[in-house]
């Protein structure tokens, strides 16, 4: 009788150790998700830095003339004769 109880308890705890909500498989899933989110964070951080650099170049104290001309042409649709404009979705 004691052997059956011990065996049942070991099966119960083994299951929860491997497949339970805090088990091995859940841990691996969480680690995979963390890696994906860290990659996404790195990508978004790089994009944020790029946008911040463009914003700094557009500030009144340090206007970049090329960027200003680019934004004017894009916003107002100005082009020179024989010039083509290729529009992109991102800034």
C-alpha atoms as a PDB file:
ATOM      1  CA  UNK A   1       0.000   0.000   0.000  1.00  0.00           C
ATOM      2  CA  UNK A   2       2.814   2.403   0.894  1.00  0.00           C
ATOM      3  CA  UNK A   3       4.603   1.521  -2.358  1.00  0.00           C
ATOM      4  CA  UNK A   4       1.505   2.433  -4.420  1.00  0.00           C
ATOM      5  CA  UNK A   5       1.184   5.788  -2.649  1.00  0.00           C
ATOM      6  CA  UNK A   6       4.895   6.557  -3.140  1.00  0.00           C
ATOM      7  CA  UNK A   7       4.707   5.541  -6.796  1.00  0.00           C
ATOM      8  CA  UNK A   8       1.590   7.690  -7.318  1.00  0.00           C
ATOM      9  CA  UNK A   9       3.221  10.691  -5.665  1.00  0.00           C
ATOM     10  CA  UNK A  10       6.369  10.291  -7.745  1.00  0.00           C
ATOM     11  CA  UNK A  11       4.275  10.126 -10.949  1.00  0.00           C
ATOM     12  CA  UNK A  12       2.294  13.198  -9.851  1.00  0.00           C
ATOM     13  CA  UNK A  13       5.351  15.291  -9.045  1.00  0.00           C
ATOM     14  CA  UNK A  14       7.246  14.092 -12.137  1.00  0.00           C
ATOM     15  CA  UNK A  15       4.392  15.169 -14.370  1.00  0.00           C
ATOM     16  CA  UNK A  16       4.288  18.631 -12.811  1.00  0.00           C
ATOM     17  CA  UNK A  17       8.070  18.896 -12.951  1.00  0.00           C
ATOM     18  CA  UNK A  18       8.047  18.257 -16.701  1.00  0.00           C
ATOM     19  CA  UNK A  19       4.690  19.450 -18.092  1.00  0.00           C
ATOM     20  CA  UNK A  20       3.183  21.568 -15.328  1.00  0.00           C
ATOM     21  CA  UNK A  21       2.665  25.334 -15.426  1.00  0.00           C
ATOM     22  CA  UNK A  22       6.155  25.843 -13.940  1.00  0.00           C
ATOM     23  CA  UNK A  23       7.706  22.798 -15.557  1.00  0.00           C
ATOM     24  CA  UNK A  24      10.501  22.196 -18.023  1.00  0.00           C
ATOM     25  CA  UNK A  25       8.443  22.639 -21.217  1.00  0.00           C
ATOM     26  CA  UNK A  26       6.973  25.915 -19.988  1.00  0.00           C
ATOM     27  CA  UNK A  27      10.458  27.140 -19.122  1.00  0.00           C
ATOM     28  CA  UNK A  28      11.720  26.350 -22.633  1.00  0.00           C
ATOM     29  CA  UNK A  29       8.702  28.092 -24.209  1.00  0.00           C
ATOM     30  CA  UNK A  30       9.317  31.158 -22.049  1.00  0.00           C
ATOM     31  CA  UNK A  31      13.011  31.255 -23.007  1.00  0.00           C
ATOM     32  CA  UNK A  32      12.137  31.048 -26.704  1.00  0.00           C
ATOM     33  CA  UNK A  33       9.625  33.852 -26.312  1.00  0.00           C
ATOM     34  CA  UNK A  34      12.191  35.979 -24.444  1.00  0.00           C
ATOM     35  CA  UNK A  35      14.715  35.521 -27.275  1.00  0.00           C
ATOM     36  CA  UNK A  36      12.144  36.576 -29.889  1.00  0.00           C
ATOM     37  CA  UNK A  37      11.144  39.627 -27.869  1.00  0.00           C
ATOM     38  CA  UNK A  38      14.784  40.631 -27.328  1.00  0.00           C
ATOM     39  CA  UNK A  39      15.371  40.494 -31.098  1.00  0.00           C
ATOM     40  CA  UNK A  40      12.260  42.606 -31.667  1.00  0.00           C
ATOM     41  CA  UNK A  41      13.444  45.059 -29.011  1.00  0.00           C
ATOM     42  CA  UNK A  42      16.838  45.385 -30.697  1.00  0.00           C
ATOM     43  CA  UNK A  43      15.167  46.037 -34.044  1.00  0.00           C
ATOM     44  CA  UNK A  44      12.795  48.633 -32.604  1.00  0.00           C
ATOM     45  CA  UNK A  45      15.621  50.318 -30.689  1.00  0.00           C
ATOM     46  CA  UNK A  46      17.636  50.687 -33.897  1.00  0.00           C
ATOM     47  CA  UNK A  47      14.608  52.136 -35.682  1.00  0.00           C
ATOM     48  CA  UNK A  48      14.012  54.528 -32.780  1.00  0.00           C
ATOM     49  CA  UNK A  49      17.618  55.753 -32.925  1.00  0.00           C
ATOM     50  CA  UNK A  50      17.281  56.334 -36.670  1.00  0.00           C
ATOM     51  CA  UNK A  51      14.109  58.381 -36.208  1.00  0.00           C
ATOM     52  CA  UNK A  52      15.650  60.332 -33.309  1.00  0.00           C
ATOM     53  CA  UNK A  53      18.647  61.278 -35.487  1.00  0.00           C
ATOM     54  CA  UNK A  54      16.290  62.549 -38.178  1.00  0.00           C
ATOM     55  CA  UNK A  55      14.326  64.557 -35.601  1.00  0.00           C
ATOM     56  CA  UNK A  56      17.530  66.140 -34.274  1.00  0.00           C
ATOM     57  CA  UNK A  57      18.496  67.142 -37.826  1.00  0.00           C
ATOM     58  CA  UNK A  58      15.126  68.893 -38.234  1.00  0.00           C
ATOM     59  CA  UNK A  59      15.354  70.997 -35.060  1.00  0.00           C
ATOM     60  CA  UNK A  60      15.554  74.774 -35.627  1.00  0.00           C
ATOM     61  CA  UNK A  61      19.072  75.087 -34.212  1.00  0.00           C
ATOM     62  CA  UNK A  62      20.581  72.417 -36.432  1.00  0.00           C
ATOM     63  CA  UNK A  63      18.582  72.048 -39.611  1.00  0.00           C
ATOM     64  CA  UNK A  64      20.131  69.719 -42.167  1.00  0.00           C
ATOM     65  CA  UNK A  65      19.461  71.352 -45.539  1.00  0.00           C
ATOM     66  CA  UNK A  66      19.390  68.082 -47.469  1.00  0.00           C
ATOM     67  CA  UNK A  67      16.854  66.565 -45.082  1.00  0.00           C
ATOM     68  CA  UNK A  68      14.779  69.741 -45.159  1.00  0.00           C
ATOM     69  CA  UNK A  69      14.763  69.727 -48.961  1.00  0.00           C
ATOM     70  CA  UNK A  70      13.827  66.048 -48.984  1.00  0.00           C
ATOM     71  CA  UNK A  71      10.891  66.610 -46.631  1.00  0.00           C
ATOM     72  CA  UNK A  72       9.681  69.644 -48.608  1.00  0.00           C
ATOM     73  CA  UNK A  73       9.795  67.722 -51.859  1.00  0.00           C
ATOM     74  CA  UNK A  74       8.010  64.763 -50.284  1.00  0.00           C
ATOM     75  CA  UNK A  75       5.318  66.845 -48.561  1.00  0.00           C
ATOM     76  CA  UNK A  76       4.621  69.314 -51.353  1.00  0.00           C
ATOM     77  CA  UNK A  77       5.371  66.964 -54.234  1.00  0.00           C
ATOM     78  CA  UNK A  78       7.981  69.225 -55.860  1.00  0.00           C
ATOM     79  CA  UNK A  79      10.255  67.702 -58.490  1.00  0.00           C
ATOM     80  CA  UNK A  80      12.783  69.024 -60.932  1.00  0.00           C
ATOM     81  CA  UNK A  81      12.496  68.357 -64.638  1.00  0.00           C
ATOM     82  CA  UNK A  82      13.654  64.827 -65.432  1.00  0.00           C
ATOM     83  CA  UNK A  83      13.676  63.831 -61.780  1.00  0.00           C
ATOM     84  CA  UNK A  84      11.862  60.786 -60.391  1.00  0.00           C
ATOM     85  CA  UNK A  85      10.742  60.276 -56.823  1.00  0.00           C
ATOM     86  CA  UNK A  86      10.510  56.821 -55.279  1.00  0.00           C
ATOM     87  CA  UNK A  87       8.294  56.811 -52.183  1.00  0.00           C
ATOM     88  CA  UNK A  88       8.847  54.445 -49.285  1.00  0.00           C
ATOM     89  CA  UNK A  89       6.530  53.680 -46.386  1.00  0.00           C
ATOM     90  CA  UNK A  90       9.067  54.284 -43.598  1.00  0.00           C
ATOM     91  CA  UNK A  91      10.821  57.535 -42.748  1.00  0.00           C
END
